[in-house]
Amino acid sequence: MNIPKLPVETKPFLWGAAAGAIALSIVGFNWGGWVTGSTAEKTAGARAEAALVAALTPICVAQFRTAPKAQASLVALKETKDWERGEYVSKGGWATMPGTPAATEPNRDVATACAEALTKVAP
C-alpha cells in the first residue's frame, strides 16, 4: 500500500492553524467576552432576578407607605438591626406582591431591597 506524502508546505500550515486556534480561544475567552453556555445562563438568571427586584421594590415601598401606621412602622424599621430589616418587611407583608401566583410568600430579595430603600427615606 502506497501512502501519499504531504507537501512540505502543509506541515507548517497545520501547526500555524493549530496555534492560531489556540491563541484565538485564549484571547476570546479571556479578553473577548466569550462565555460558555452555562456561564451565560447563570449571568442571565442573575440579571433577571436583579431586574425583578428593581421592578418590585417600588411596589413594596408604596405598600409600606400606604399601610396603616406607616410612620410608626418606619421608625420601628429604622430601629431594627440592619440584617433583620428584610425580615421585618417580610413579616409586615409589604414584600408580598398582590395578584401574583406566589402572593402568599414574600420575596426575600425584594424585602431586603425595600428595607434598604425605606431606611434612606427621612421620617
PDB file of N, CA and C in Angstrom:
ATOM      1  N   MET A   1       0.836  -1.168   0.000  1.00  0.00           N
ATOM      2  CA  MET A   1       0.000   0.000   0.000  1.00  0.00           C
ATOM      3  C   MET A   1       0.884   1.234   0.000  1.00  0.00           C
ATOM      4  N   ASN A   2       0.536   2.133  -0.832  1.00  0.00           N
ATOM      5  CA  ASN A   2       1.338   3.335  -1.012  1.00  0.00           C
ATOM      6  C   ASN A   2       0.612   4.525  -0.381  1.00  0.00           C
ATOM      7  N   ILE A   3       1.180   5.081   0.708  1.00  0.00           N
ATOM      8  CA  ILE A   3       0.590   6.235   1.392  1.00  0.00           C
ATOM      9  C   ILE A   3       1.187   7.494   0.776  1.00  0.00           C
ATOM     10  N   PRO A   4       0.312   8.391   0.307  1.00  0.00           N
ATOM     11  CA  PRO A   4       0.856   9.604  -0.301  1.00  0.00           C
ATOM     12  C   PRO A   4       1.478  10.507   0.767  1.00  0.00           C
ATOM     13  N   LYS A   5       2.546  11.158   0.403  1.00  0.00           N
ATOM     14  CA  LYS A   5       3.212  12.095   1.308  1.00  0.00           C
ATOM     15  C   LYS A   5       2.615  13.483   1.127  1.00  0.00           C
ATOM     16  N   LEU A   6       2.549  14.192   2.245  1.00  0.00           N
ATOM     17  CA  LEU A   6       2.040  15.560   2.206  1.00  0.00           C
ATOM     18  C   LEU A   6       3.118  16.484   1.666  1.00  0.00           C
ATOM     19  N   PRO A   7       2.694  17.534   0.997  1.00  0.00           N
ATOM     20  CA  PRO A   7       3.693  18.503   0.543  1.00  0.00           C
ATOM     21  C   PRO A   7       4.419  19.114   1.741  1.00  0.00           C
ATOM     22  N   VAL A   8       5.602  19.594   1.535  1.00  0.00           N
ATOM     23  CA  VAL A   8       6.436  20.164   2.593  1.00  0.00           C
ATOM     24  C   VAL A   8       5.759  21.378   3.232  1.00  0.00           C
ATOM     25  N   GLU A   9       5.009  22.148   2.478  1.00  0.00           N
ATOM     26  CA  GLU A   9       4.364  23.364   2.998  1.00  0.00           C
ATOM     27  C   GLU A   9       3.166  23.053   3.908  1.00  0.00           C
ATOM     28  N   THR A  10       2.667  21.845   3.891  1.00  0.00           N
ATOM     29  CA  THR A  10       1.465  21.501   4.648  1.00  0.00           C
ATOM     30  C   THR A  10       1.717  21.453   6.151  1.00  0.00           C
ATOM     31  N   LYS A  11       2.841  20.906   6.565  1.00  0.00           N
ATOM     32  CA  LYS A  11       3.123  20.759   7.995  1.00  0.00           C
ATOM     33  C   LYS A  11       3.189  22.113   8.706  1.00  0.00           C
ATOM     34  N   PRO A  12       3.926  23.115   8.225  1.00  0.00           N
ATOM     35  CA  PRO A  12       3.910  24.421   8.897  1.00  0.00           C
ATOM     36  C   PRO A  12       2.527  25.073   8.879  1.00  0.00           C
ATOM     37  N   PHE A  13       1.775  24.836   7.810  1.00  0.00           N
ATOM     38  CA  PHE A  13       0.422  25.386   7.734  1.00  0.00           C
ATOM     39  C   PHE A  13      -0.464  24.794   8.836  1.00  0.00           C
ATOM     40  N   LEU A  14      -0.412  23.488   9.012  1.00  0.00           N
ATOM     41  CA  LEU A  14      -1.222  22.839  10.048  1.00  0.00           C
ATOM     42  C   LEU A  14      -0.807  23.282  11.450  1.00  0.00           C
ATOM     43  N   TRP A  15       0.496  23.401  11.701  1.00  0.00           N
ATOM     44  CA  TRP A  15       0.968  23.892  13.002  1.00  0.00           C
ATOM     45  C   TRP A  15       0.517  25.338  13.228  1.00  0.00           C
ATOM     46  N   GLY A  16       0.570  26.140  12.210  1.00  0.00           N
ATOM     47  CA  GLY A  16       0.118  27.536  12.334  1.00  0.00           C
ATOM     48  C   GLY A  16      -1.371  27.635  12.600  1.00  0.00           C
ATOM     49  N   ALA A  17      -2.151  26.787  11.908  1.00  0.00           N
ATOM     50  CA  ALA A  17      -3.600  26.785  12.127  1.00  0.00           C
ATOM     51  C   ALA A  17      -3.933  26.349  13.551  1.00  0.00           C
ATOM     52  N   ALA A  18      -3.233  25.326  14.046  1.00  0.00           N
ATOM     53  CA  ALA A  18      -3.469  24.859  15.414  1.00  0.00           C
ATOM     54  C   ALA A  18      -3.089  25.934  16.428  1.00  0.00           C
ATOM     55  N   ALA A  19      -1.938  26.561  16.240  1.00  0.00           N
ATOM     56  CA  ALA A  19      -1.506  27.625  17.155  1.00  0.00           C
ATOM     57  C   ALA A  19      -2.465  28.809  17.095  1.00  0.00           C
ATOM     58  N   GLY A  20      -2.934  29.146  15.905  1.00  0.00           N
ATOM     59  CA  GLY A  20      -3.894  30.243  15.760  1.00  0.00           C
ATOM     60  C   GLY A  20      -5.208  29.947  16.451  1.00  0.00           C
ATOM     61  N   ALA A  21      -5.681  28.705  16.339  1.00  0.00           N
ATOM     62  CA  ALA A  21      -6.932  28.325  17.002  1.00  0.00           C
ATOM     63  C   ALA A  21      -6.798  28.400  18.516  1.00  0.00           C
ATOM     64  N   ILE A  22      -5.665  27.948  19.025  1.00  0.00           N
ATOM     65  CA  ILE A  22      -5.425  28.012  20.470  1.00  0.00           C
ATOM     66  C   ILE A  22      -5.336  29.463  20.927  1.00  0.00           C
ATOM     67  N   ALA A  23      -4.594  30.279  20.189  1.00  0.00           N
ATOM     68  CA  ALA A  23      -4.454  31.696  20.551  1.00  0.00           C
ATOM     69  C   ALA A  23      -5.798  32.408  20.477  1.00  0.00           C
ATOM     70  N   LEU A  24      -6.576  32.116  19.453  1.00  0.00           N
ATOM     71  CA  LEU A  24      -7.891  32.735  19.310  1.00  0.00           C
ATOM     72  C   LEU A  24      -8.800  32.361  20.480  1.00  0.00           C
ATOM     73  N   SER A  25      -8.763  31.109  20.902  1.00  0.00           N
ATOM     74  CA  SER A  25      -9.578  30.675  22.044  1.00  0.00           C
ATOM     75  C   SER A  25      -9.158  31.375  23.329  1.00  0.00           C
ATOM     76  N   ILE A  26      -7.859  31.464  23.551  1.00  0.00           N
ATOM     77  CA  ILE A  26      -7.362  32.121  24.768  1.00  0.00           C
ATOM     78  C   ILE A  26      -7.763  33.585  24.788  1.00  0.00           C
ATOM     79  N   VAL A  27      -7.529  34.276  23.696  1.00  0.00           N
ATOM     80  CA  VAL A  27      -7.871  35.705  23.628  1.00  0.00           C
ATOM     81  C   VAL A  27      -9.385  35.891  23.722  1.00  0.00           C
ATOM     82  N   GLY A  28     -10.144  35.078  23.031  1.00  0.00           N
ATOM     83  CA  GLY A  28     -11.602  35.224  23.031  1.00  0.00           C
ATOM     84  C   GLY A  28     -12.229  35.005  24.388  1.00  0.00           C
ATOM     85  N   PHE A  29     -11.817  33.958  25.090  1.00  0.00           N
ATOM     86  CA  PHE A  29     -12.430  33.662  26.388  1.00  0.00           C
ATOM     87  C   PHE A  29     -11.913  34.569  27.499  1.00  0.00           C
ATOM     88  N   ASN A  30     -10.669  35.037  27.392  1.00  0.00           N
ATOM     89  CA  ASN A  30     -10.125  35.882  28.454  1.00  0.00           C
ATOM     90  C   ASN A  30     -10.445  37.357  28.263  1.00  0.00           C
ATOM     91  N   TRP A  31     -10.326  37.856  27.052  1.00  0.00           N
ATOM     92  CA  TRP A  31     -10.489  39.295  26.847  1.00  0.00           C
ATOM     93  C   TRP A  31     -11.591  39.649  25.862  1.00  0.00           C
ATOM     94  N   GLY A  32     -12.062  38.687  25.102  1.00  0.00           N
ATOM     95  CA  GLY A  32     -13.059  38.965  24.071  1.00  0.00           C
ATOM     96  C   GLY A  32     -14.491  38.901  24.544  1.00  0.00           C
ATOM     97  N   GLY A  33     -14.708  38.466  25.760  1.00  0.00           N
ATOM     98  CA  GLY A  33     -16.064  38.409  26.285  1.00  0.00           C
ATOM     99  C   GLY A  33     -16.813  37.135  25.944  1.00  0.00           C
ATOM    100  N   TRP A  34     -16.138  36.146  25.401  1.00  0.00           N
ATOM    101  CA  TRP A  34     -16.803  34.887  25.110  1.00  0.00           C
ATOM    102  C   TRP A  34     -17.090  34.155  26.411  1.00  0.00           C
ATOM    103  N   VAL A  35     -18.216  33.485  26.478  1.00  0.00           N
ATOM    104  CA  VAL A  35     -18.551  32.679  27.647  1.00  0.00           C
ATOM    105  C   VAL A  35     -19.172  31.367  27.184  1.00  0.00           C
ATOM    106  N   THR A  36     -19.156  30.399  28.067  1.00  0.00           N
ATOM    107  CA  THR A  36     -19.800  29.124  27.767  1.00  0.00           C
ATOM    108  C   THR A  36     -21.305  29.265  27.982  1.00  0.00           C
ATOM    109  N   GLY A  37     -22.044  28.293  27.528  1.00  0.00           N
ATOM    110  CA  GLY A  37     -23.495  28.338  27.674  1.00  0.00           C
ATOM    111  C   GLY A  37     -23.947  28.376  29.119  1.00  0.00           C
ATOM    112  N   SER A  38     -23.297  27.610  29.985  1.00  0.00           N
ATOM    113  CA  SER A  38     -23.706  27.588  31.393  1.00  0.00           C
ATOM    114  C   SER A  38     -23.418  28.919  32.076  1.00  0.00           C
ATOM    115  N   THR A  39     -22.304  29.544  31.721  1.00  0.00           N
ATOM    116  CA  THR A  39     -21.992  30.857  32.291  1.00  0.00           C
ATOM    117  C   THR A  39     -23.003  31.893  31.818  1.00  0.00           C
ATOM    118  N   ALA A  40     -23.385  31.816  30.564  1.00  0.00           N
ATOM    119  CA  ALA A  40     -24.381  32.747  30.032  1.00  0.00           C
ATOM    120  C   ALA A  40     -25.724  32.566  30.735  1.00  0.00           C
ATOM    121  N   GLU A  41     -26.102  31.326  31.006  1.00  0.00           N
ATOM    122  CA  GLU A  41     -27.359  31.069  31.712  1.00  0.00           C
ATOM    123  C   GLU A  41     -27.323  31.610  33.136  1.00  0.00           C
ATOM    124  N   LYS A  42     -26.212  31.428  33.826  1.00  0.00           N
ATOM    125  CA  LYS A  42     -26.081  31.945  35.193  1.00  0.00           C
ATOM    126  C   LYS A  42     -26.156  33.466  35.200  1.00  0.00           C
ATOM    127  N   THR A  43     -25.466  34.093  34.254  1.00  0.00           N
ATOM    128  CA  THR A  43     -25.468  35.550  34.168  1.00  0.00           C
ATOM    129  C   THR A  43     -26.865  36.065  33.846  1.00  0.00           C
ATOM    130  N   ALA A  44     -27.541  35.426  32.911  1.00  0.00           N
ATOM    131  CA  ALA A  44     -28.896  35.844  32.549  1.00  0.00           C
ATOM    132  C   ALA A  44     -29.853  35.687  33.726  1.00  0.00           C
ATOM    133  N   GLY A  45     -29.720  34.598  34.461  1.00  0.00           N
ATOM    134  CA  GLY A  45     -30.573  34.390  35.632  1.00  0.00           C
ATOM    135  C   GLY A  45     -30.351  35.440  36.706  1.00  0.00           C
ATOM    136  N   ALA A  46     -29.092  35.771  36.942  1.00  0.00           N
ATOM    137  CA  ALA A  46     -28.775  36.790  37.952  1.00  0.00           C
ATOM    138  C   ALA A  46     -29.301  38.155  37.525  1.00  0.00           C
ATOM    139  N   ARG A  47     -29.160  38.473  36.249  1.00  0.00           N
ATOM    140  CA  ARG A  47     -29.656  39.768  35.762  1.00  0.00           C
ATOM    141  C   ARG A  47     -31.177  39.828  35.791  1.00  0.00           C
ATOM    142  N   ALA A  48     -31.832  38.726  35.477  1.00  0.00           N
ATOM    143  CA  ALA A  48     -33.294  38.692  35.527  1.00  0.00           C
ATOM    144  C   ALA A  48     -33.786  38.873  36.959  1.00  0.00           C
ATOM    145  N   GLU A  49     -33.129  38.223  37.899  1.00  0.00           N
ATOM    146  CA  GLU A  49     -33.502  38.364  39.310  1.00  0.00           C
ATOM    147  C   GLU A  49     -33.290  39.801  39.782  1.00  0.00           C
ATOM    148  N   ALA A  50     -32.177  40.405  39.378  1.00  0.00           N
ATOM    149  CA  ALA A  50     -31.906  41.795  39.758  1.00  0.00           C
ATOM    150  C   ALA A  50     -32.948  42.737  39.157  1.00  0.00           C
ATOM    151  N   ALA A  51     -33.346  42.477  37.913  1.00  0.00           N
ATOM    152  CA  ALA A  51     -34.363  43.312  37.273  1.00  0.00           C
ATOM    153  C   ALA A  51     -35.712  43.146  37.963  1.00  0.00           C
ATOM    154  N   LEU A  52     -36.028  41.929  38.363  1.00  0.00           N
ATOM    155  CA  LEU A  52     -37.276  41.673  39.076  1.00  0.00           C
ATOM    156  C   LEU A  52     -37.301  42.418  40.407  1.00  0.00           C
ATOM    157  N   VAL A  53     -36.216  42.345  41.142  1.00  0.00           N
ATOM    158  CA  VAL A  53     -36.129  43.043  42.429  1.00  0.00           C
ATOM    159  C   VAL A  53     -36.248  44.552  42.219  1.00  0.00           C
ATOM    160  N   ALA A  54     -35.567  45.063  41.194  1.00  0.00           N
ATOM    161  CA  ALA A  54     -35.629  46.506  40.914  1.00  0.00           C
ATOM    162  C   ALA A  54     -37.044  46.936  40.530  1.00  0.00           C
ATOM    163  N   ALA A  55     -37.777  46.077  39.838  1.00  0.00           N
ATOM    164  CA  ALA A  55     -39.135  46.423  39.429  1.00  0.00           C
ATOM    165  C   ALA A  55     -40.135  46.325  40.584  1.00  0.00           C
ATOM    166  N   LEU A  56     -39.929  45.385  41.487  1.00  0.00           N
ATOM    167  CA  LEU A  56     -40.894  45.164  42.569  1.00  0.00           C
ATOM    168  C   LEU A  56     -40.625  45.992  43.822  1.00  0.00           C
ATOM    169  N   THR A  57     -39.416  46.498  43.968  1.00  0.00           N
ATOM    170  CA  THR A  57     -39.091  47.288  45.161  1.00  0.00           C
ATOM    171  C   THR A  57     -39.975  48.526  45.302  1.00  0.00           C
ATOM    172  N   PRO A  58     -40.228  49.309  44.239  1.00  0.00           N
ATOM    173  CA  PRO A  58     -41.120  50.465  44.408  1.00  0.00           C
ATOM    174  C   PRO A  58     -42.540  50.080  44.835  1.00  0.00           C
ATOM    175  N   ILE A  59     -43.005  48.910  44.410  1.00  0.00           N
ATOM    176  CA  ILE A  59     -44.332  48.452  44.833  1.00  0.00           C
ATOM    177  C   ILE A  59     -44.323  48.169  46.331  1.00  0.00           C
ATOM    178  N   CYS A  60     -43.266  47.537  46.792  1.00  0.00           N
ATOM    179  CA  CYS A  60     -43.125  47.249  48.223  1.00  0.00           C
ATOM    180  C   CYS A  60     -43.093  48.550  49.029  1.00  0.00           C
ATOM    181  N   VAL A  61     -42.326  49.515  48.544  1.00  0.00           N
ATOM    182  CA  VAL A  61     -42.230  50.808  49.238  1.00  0.00           C
ATOM    183  C   VAL A  61     -43.599  51.481  49.278  1.00  0.00           C
ATOM    184  N   ALA A  62     -44.327  51.435  48.168  1.00  0.00           N
ATOM    185  CA  ALA A  62     -45.659  52.047  48.125  1.00  0.00           C
ATOM    186  C   ALA A  62     -46.616  51.337  49.078  1.00  0.00           C
ATOM    187  N   GLN A  63     -46.558  50.012  49.133  1.00  0.00           N
ATOM    188  CA  GLN A  63     -47.417  49.267  50.067  1.00  0.00           C
ATOM    189  C   GLN A  63     -47.081  49.614  51.511  1.00  0.00           C
ATOM    190  N   PHE A  64     -45.801  49.799  51.791  1.00  0.00           N
ATOM    191  CA  PHE A  64     -45.371  50.163  53.139  1.00  0.00           C
ATOM    192  C   PHE A  64     -45.920  51.539  53.509  1.00  0.00           C
ATOM    193  N   ARG A  65     -45.776  52.486  52.592  1.00  0.00           N
ATOM    194  CA  ARG A  65     -46.190  53.870  52.878  1.00  0.00           C
ATOM    195  C   ARG A  65     -47.695  54.021  53.010  1.00  0.00           C
ATOM    196  N   THR A  66     -48.471  53.188  52.312  1.00  0.00           N
ATOM    197  CA  THR A  66     -49.928  53.311  52.384  1.00  0.00           C
ATOM    198  C   THR A  66     -50.542  52.448  53.484  1.00  0.00           C
ATOM    199  N   ALA A  67     -49.725  51.692  54.162  1.00  0.00           N
ATOM    200  CA  ALA A  67     -50.226  50.834  55.241  1.00  0.00           C
ATOM    201  C   ALA A  67     -50.620  51.682  56.449  1.00  0.00           C
ATOM    202  N   PRO A  68     -51.549  51.182  57.258  1.00  0.00           N
ATOM    203  CA  PRO A  68     -51.873  51.893  58.494  1.00  0.00           C
ATOM    204  C   PRO A  68     -50.638  51.955  59.396  1.00  0.00           C
ATOM    205  N   LYS A  69     -50.487  53.048  60.078  1.00  0.00           N
ATOM    206  CA  LYS A  69     -49.357  53.266  60.992  1.00  0.00           C
ATOM    207  C   LYS A  69     -48.008  53.164  60.267  1.00  0.00           C
ATOM    208  N   ALA A  70     -47.954  53.699  59.059  1.00  0.00           N
ATOM    209  CA  ALA A  70     -46.724  53.628  58.262  1.00  0.00           C
ATOM    210  C   ALA A  70     -45.583  54.375  58.939  1.00  0.00           C
ATOM    211  N   GLN A  71     -45.879  55.513  59.533  1.00  0.00           N
ATOM    212  CA  GLN A  71     -44.828  56.305  60.180  1.00  0.00           C
ATOM    213  C   GLN A  71     -44.229  55.547  61.365  1.00  0.00           C
ATOM    214  N   ALA A  72     -45.070  54.935  62.172  1.00  0.00           N
ATOM    215  CA  ALA A  72     -44.573  54.153  63.309  1.00  0.00           C
ATOM    216  C   ALA A  72     -43.794  52.931  62.825  1.00  0.00           C
ATOM    217  N   SER A  73     -44.245  52.328  61.748  1.00  0.00           N
ATOM    218  CA  SER A  73     -43.532  51.178  61.186  1.00  0.00           C
ATOM    219  C   SER A  73     -42.173  51.590  60.645  1.00  0.00           C
ATOM    220  N   LEU A  74     -42.099  52.780  60.054  1.00  0.00           N
ATOM    221  CA  LEU A  74     -40.820  53.267  59.532  1.00  0.00           C
ATOM    222  C   LEU A  74     -39.835  53.518  60.666  1.00  0.00           C
ATOM    223  N   VAL A  75     -40.310  54.089  61.754  1.00  0.00           N
ATOM    224  CA  VAL A  75     -39.445  54.307  62.914  1.00  0.00           C
ATOM    225  C   VAL A  75     -38.969  52.963  63.462  1.00  0.00           C
ATOM    226  N   ALA A  76     -39.879  52.005  63.564  1.00  0.00           N
ATOM    227  CA  ALA A  76     -39.507  50.673  64.058  1.00  0.00           C
ATOM    228  C   ALA A  76     -38.520  49.991  63.110  1.00  0.00           C
ATOM    229  N   LEU A  77     -38.707  50.180  61.814  1.00  0.00           N
ATOM    230  CA  LEU A  77     -37.791  49.598  60.831  1.00  0.00           C
ATOM    231  C   LEU A  77     -36.393  50.175  60.984  1.00  0.00           C
ATOM    232  N   LYS A  78     -36.319  51.482  61.163  1.00  0.00           N
ATOM    233  CA  LYS A  78     -35.006  52.120  61.304  1.00  0.00           C
ATOM    234  C   LYS A  78     -34.318  51.725  62.604  1.00  0.00           C
ATOM    235  N   GLU A  79     -35.090  51.362  63.622  1.00  0.00           N
ATOM    236  CA  GLU A  79     -34.503  50.920  64.886  1.00  0.00           C
ATOM    237  C   GLU A  79     -34.088  49.450  64.844  1.00  0.00           C
ATOM    238  N   THR A  80     -34.566  48.727  63.857  1.00  0.00           N
ATOM    239  CA  THR A  80     -34.223  47.309  63.704  1.00  0.00           C
ATOM    240  C   THR A  80     -32.790  47.194  63.195  1.00  0.00           C
ATOM    241  N   LYS A  81     -32.104  46.139  63.600  1.00  0.00           N
ATOM    242  CA  LYS A  81     -30.732  45.904  63.144  1.00  0.00           C
ATOM    243  C   LYS A  81     -30.721  45.703  61.635  1.00  0.00           C
ATOM    244  N   ASP A  82     -29.620  46.096  61.000  1.00  0.00           N
ATOM    245  CA  ASP A  82     -29.514  46.047  59.541  1.00  0.00           C
ATOM    246  C   ASP A  82     -29.883  44.685  58.965  1.00  0.00           C
ATOM    247  N   TRP A  83     -29.365  43.626  59.544  1.00  0.00           N
ATOM    248  CA  TRP A  83     -29.565  42.297  58.972  1.00  0.00           C
ATOM    249  C   TRP A  83     -30.955  41.737  59.233  1.00  0.00           C
ATOM    250  N   GLU A  84     -31.746  42.406  60.073  1.00  0.00           N
ATOM    251  CA  GLU A  84     -33.102  41.943  60.364  1.00  0.00           C
ATOM    252  C   GLU A  84     -34.172  42.768  59.651  1.00  0.00           C
ATOM    253  N   ARG A  85     -33.764  43.800  58.938  1.00  0.00           N
ATOM    254  CA  ARG A  85     -34.741  44.694  58.314  1.00  0.00           C
ATOM    255  C   ARG A  85     -35.547  44.011  57.215  1.00  0.00           C
ATOM    256  N   GLY A  86     -34.889  43.188  56.412  1.00  0.00           N
ATOM    257  CA  GLY A  86     -35.614  42.467  55.361  1.00  0.00           C
ATOM    258  C   GLY A  86     -36.681  41.554  55.934  1.00  0.00           C
ATOM    259  N   GLU A  87     -36.350  40.900  57.026  1.00  0.00           N
ATOM    260  CA  GLU A  87     -37.315  40.017  57.686  1.00  0.00           C
ATOM    261  C   GLU A  87     -38.476  40.827  58.269  1.00  0.00           C
ATOM    262  N   TYR A  88     -38.184  42.018  58.791  1.00  0.00           N
ATOM    263  CA  TYR A  88     -39.229  42.893  59.328  1.00  0.00           C
ATOM    264  C   TYR A  88     -40.228  43.261  58.225  1.00  0.00           C
ATOM    265  N   VAL A  89     -39.694  43.609  57.056  1.00  0.00           N
ATOM    266  CA  VAL A  89     -40.558  43.967  55.925  1.00  0.00           C
ATOM    267  C   VAL A  89     -41.342  42.741  55.456  1.00  0.00           C
ATOM    268  N   SER A  90     -40.700  41.579  55.428  1.00  0.00           N
ATOM    269  CA  SER A  90     -41.395  40.344  55.022  1.00  0.00           C
ATOM    270  C   SER A  90     -42.544  40.022  55.968  1.00  0.00           C
ATOM    271  N   LYS A  91     -42.281  40.106  57.264  1.00  0.00           N
ATOM    272  CA  LYS A  91     -43.319  39.793  58.254  1.00  0.00           C
ATOM    273  C   LYS A  91     -44.471  40.787  58.192  1.00  0.00           C
ATOM    274  N   GLY A  92     -44.170  42.028  57.817  1.00  0.00           N
ATOM    275  CA  GLY A  92     -45.220  43.030  57.686  1.00  0.00           C
ATOM    276  C   GLY A  92     -46.098  42.808  56.465  1.00  0.00           C
ATOM    277  N   GLY A  93     -45.644  41.961  55.543  1.00  0.00           N
ATOM    278  CA  GLY A  93     -46.436  41.658  54.355  1.00  0.00           C
ATOM    279  C   GLY A  93     -46.249  42.627  53.211  1.00  0.00           C
ATOM    280  N   TRP A  94     -45.374  43.580  53.357  1.00  0.00           N
ATOM    281  CA  TRP A  94     -45.206  44.596  52.315  1.00  0.00           C
ATOM    282  C   TRP A  94     -44.443  44.061  51.106  1.00  0.00           C
ATOM    283  N   ALA A  95     -43.663  43.002  51.281  1.00  0.00           N
ATOM    284  CA  ALA A  95     -42.909  42.418  50.168  1.00  0.00           C
ATOM    285  C   ALA A  95     -43.699  41.326  49.456  1.00  0.00           C
ATOM    286  N   THR A  96     -44.930  41.104  49.861  1.00  0.00           N
ATOM    287  CA  THR A  96     -45.796  40.144  49.184  1.00  0.00           C
ATOM    288  C   THR A  96     -46.513  40.888  48.066  1.00  0.00           C
ATOM    289  N   MET A  97     -46.291  40.443  46.842  1.00  0.00           N
ATOM    290  CA  MET A  97     -46.831  41.153  45.689  1.00  0.00           C
ATOM    291  C   MET A  97     -48.264  40.719  45.407  1.00  0.00           C
ATOM    292  N   PRO A  98     -49.175  41.681  45.299  1.00  0.00           N
ATOM    293  CA  PRO A  98     -50.572  41.341  45.033  1.00  0.00           C
ATOM    294  C   PRO A  98     -50.750  40.845  43.597  1.00  0.00           C
ATOM    295  N   GLY A  99     -51.659  39.900  43.427  1.00  0.00           N
ATOM    296  CA  GLY A  99     -52.000  39.436  42.088  1.00  0.00           C
ATOM    297  C   GLY A  99     -51.009  38.488  41.450  1.00  0.00           C
ATOM    298  N   THR A 100     -50.059  37.968  42.205  1.00  0.00           N
ATOM    299  CA  THR A 100     -49.103  37.011  41.651  1.00  0.00           C
ATOM    300  C   THR A 100     -49.439  35.620  42.163  1.00  0.00           C
ATOM    301  N   PRO A 101     -49.044  34.577  41.418  1.00  0.00           N
ATOM    302  CA  PRO A 101     -49.324  33.220  41.899  1.00  0.00           C
ATOM    303  C   PRO A 101     -48.682  32.931  43.256  1.00  0.00           C
ATOM    304  N   ALA A 102     -47.551  33.551  43.523  1.00  0.00           N
ATOM    305  CA  ALA A 102     -46.863  33.332  44.800  1.00  0.00           C
ATOM    306  C   ALA A 102     -47.194  34.443  45.793  1.00  0.00           C
ATOM    307  N   ALA A 103     -48.437  34.935  45.749  1.00  0.00           N
ATOM    308  CA  ALA A 103     -48.820  36.069  46.588  1.00  0.00           C
ATOM    309  C   ALA A 103     -48.877  35.729  48.065  1.00  0.00           C
ATOM    310  N   THR A 104     -48.759  34.470  48.401  1.00  0.00           N
ATOM    311  CA  THR A 104     -48.777  34.103  49.810  1.00  0.00           C
ATOM    312  C   THR A 104     -47.394  34.194  50.440  1.00  0.00           C
ATOM    313  N   GLU A 105     -46.363  34.243  49.622  1.00  0.00           N
ATOM    314  CA  GLU A 105     -44.989  34.270  50.123  1.00  0.00           C
ATOM    315  C   GLU A 105     -44.317  35.587  49.755  1.00  0.00           C
ATOM    316  N   PRO A 106     -43.713  36.265  50.716  1.00  0.00           N
ATOM    317  CA  PRO A 106     -42.968  37.475  50.372  1.00  0.00           C
ATOM    318  C   PRO A 106     -41.652  37.119  49.688  1.00  0.00           C
ATOM    319  N   ASN A 107     -41.214  37.992  48.805  1.00  0.00           N
ATOM    320  CA  ASN A 107     -39.940  37.803  48.119  1.00  0.00           C
ATOM    321  C   ASN A 107     -38.844  38.351  49.020  1.00  0.00           C
ATOM    322  N   ARG A 108     -37.921  37.503  49.410  1.00  0.00           N
ATOM    323  CA  ARG A 108     -36.870  37.882  50.369  1.00  0.00           C
ATOM    324  C   ARG A 108     -35.955  38.982  49.816  1.00  0.00           C
ATOM    325  N   ASP A 109     -35.575  38.859  48.546  1.00  0.00           N
ATOM    326  CA  ASP A 109     -34.698  39.870  47.948  1.00  0.00           C
ATOM    327  C   ASP A 109     -35.405  41.213  47.829  1.00  0.00           C
ATOM    328  N   VAL A 110     -36.686  41.172  47.487  1.00  0.00           N
ATOM    329  CA  VAL A 110     -37.468  42.409  47.407  1.00  0.00           C
ATOM    330  C   VAL A 110     -37.593  43.029  48.790  1.00  0.00           C
ATOM    331  N   ALA A 111     -37.806  42.205  49.803  1.00  0.00           N
ATOM    332  CA  ALA A 111     -37.930  42.711  51.171  1.00  0.00           C
ATOM    333  C   ALA A 111     -36.650  43.408  51.615  1.00  0.00           C
ATOM    334  N   THR A 112     -35.508  42.821  51.295  1.00  0.00           N
ATOM    335  CA  THR A 112     -34.229  43.427  51.667  1.00  0.00           C
ATOM    336  C   THR A 112     -34.025  44.747  50.934  1.00  0.00           C
ATOM    337  N   ALA A 113     -34.307  44.763  49.628  1.00  0.00           N
ATOM    338  CA  ALA A 113     -34.154  45.997  48.850  1.00  0.00           C
ATOM    339  C   ALA A 113     -35.150  47.056  49.301  1.00  0.00           C
ATOM    340  N   CYS A 114     -36.351  46.632  49.647  1.00  0.00           N
ATOM    341  CA  CYS A 114     -37.381  47.553  50.126  1.00  0.00           C
ATOM    342  C   CYS A 114     -36.957  48.182  51.453  1.00  0.00           C
ATOM    343  N   ALA A 115     -36.456  47.363  52.357  1.00  0.00           N
ATOM    344  CA  ALA A 115     -35.995  47.877  53.650  1.00  0.00           C
ATOM    345  C   ALA A 115     -34.857  48.867  53.455  1.00  0.00           C
ATOM    346  N   GLU A 116     -33.964  48.559  52.532  1.00  0.00           N
ATOM    347  CA  GLU A 116     -32.849  49.470  52.255  1.00  0.00           C
ATOM    348  C   GLU A 116     -33.356  50.794  51.696  1.00  0.00           C
ATOM    349  N   ALA A 117     -34.329  50.730  50.792  1.00  0.00           N
ATOM    350  CA  ALA A 117     -34.888  51.954  50.215  1.00  0.00           C
ATOM    351  C   ALA A 117     -35.639  52.762  51.267  1.00  0.00           C
ATOM    352  N   LEU A 118     -36.363  52.084  52.140  1.00  0.00           N
ATOM    353  CA  LEU A 118     -37.144  52.785  53.161  1.00  0.00           C
ATOM    354  C   LEU A 118     -36.258  53.449  54.210  1.00  0.00           C
ATOM    355  N   THR A 119     -35.132  52.843  54.536  1.00  0.00           N
ATOM    356  CA  THR A 119     -34.267  53.437  55.556  1.00  0.00           C
ATOM    357  C   THR A 119     -33.544  54.669  55.039  1.00  0.00           C
ATOM    358  N   LYS A 120     -33.502  54.840  53.722  1.00  0.00           N
ATOM    359  CA  LYS A 120     -32.882  56.041  53.153  1.00  0.00           C
ATOM    360  C   LYS A 120     -33.838  57.227  53.155  1.00  0.00           C
ATOM    361  N   VAL A 121     -35.125  56.954  53.409  1.00  0.00           N
ATOM    362  CA  VAL A 121     -36.146  57.993  53.411  1.00  0.00           C
ATOM    363  C   VAL A 121     -36.174  58.668  54.777  1.00  0.00           C
ATOM    364  N   ALA A 122     -36.262  59.978  54.774  1.00  0.00           N
ATOM    365  CA  ALA A 122     -36.364  60.709  56.045  1.00  0.00           C
ATOM    366  C   ALA A 122     -37.749  60.478  56.637  1.00  0.00           C
ATOM    367  N   PRO A 123     -37.853  60.375  57.974  1.00  0.00           N
ATOM    368  CA  PRO A 123     -39.165  60.121  58.598  1.00  0.00           C
ATOM    369  C   PRO A 123     -40.141  61.254  58.431  1.00  0.00           C
TER     370      PRO A 123
END
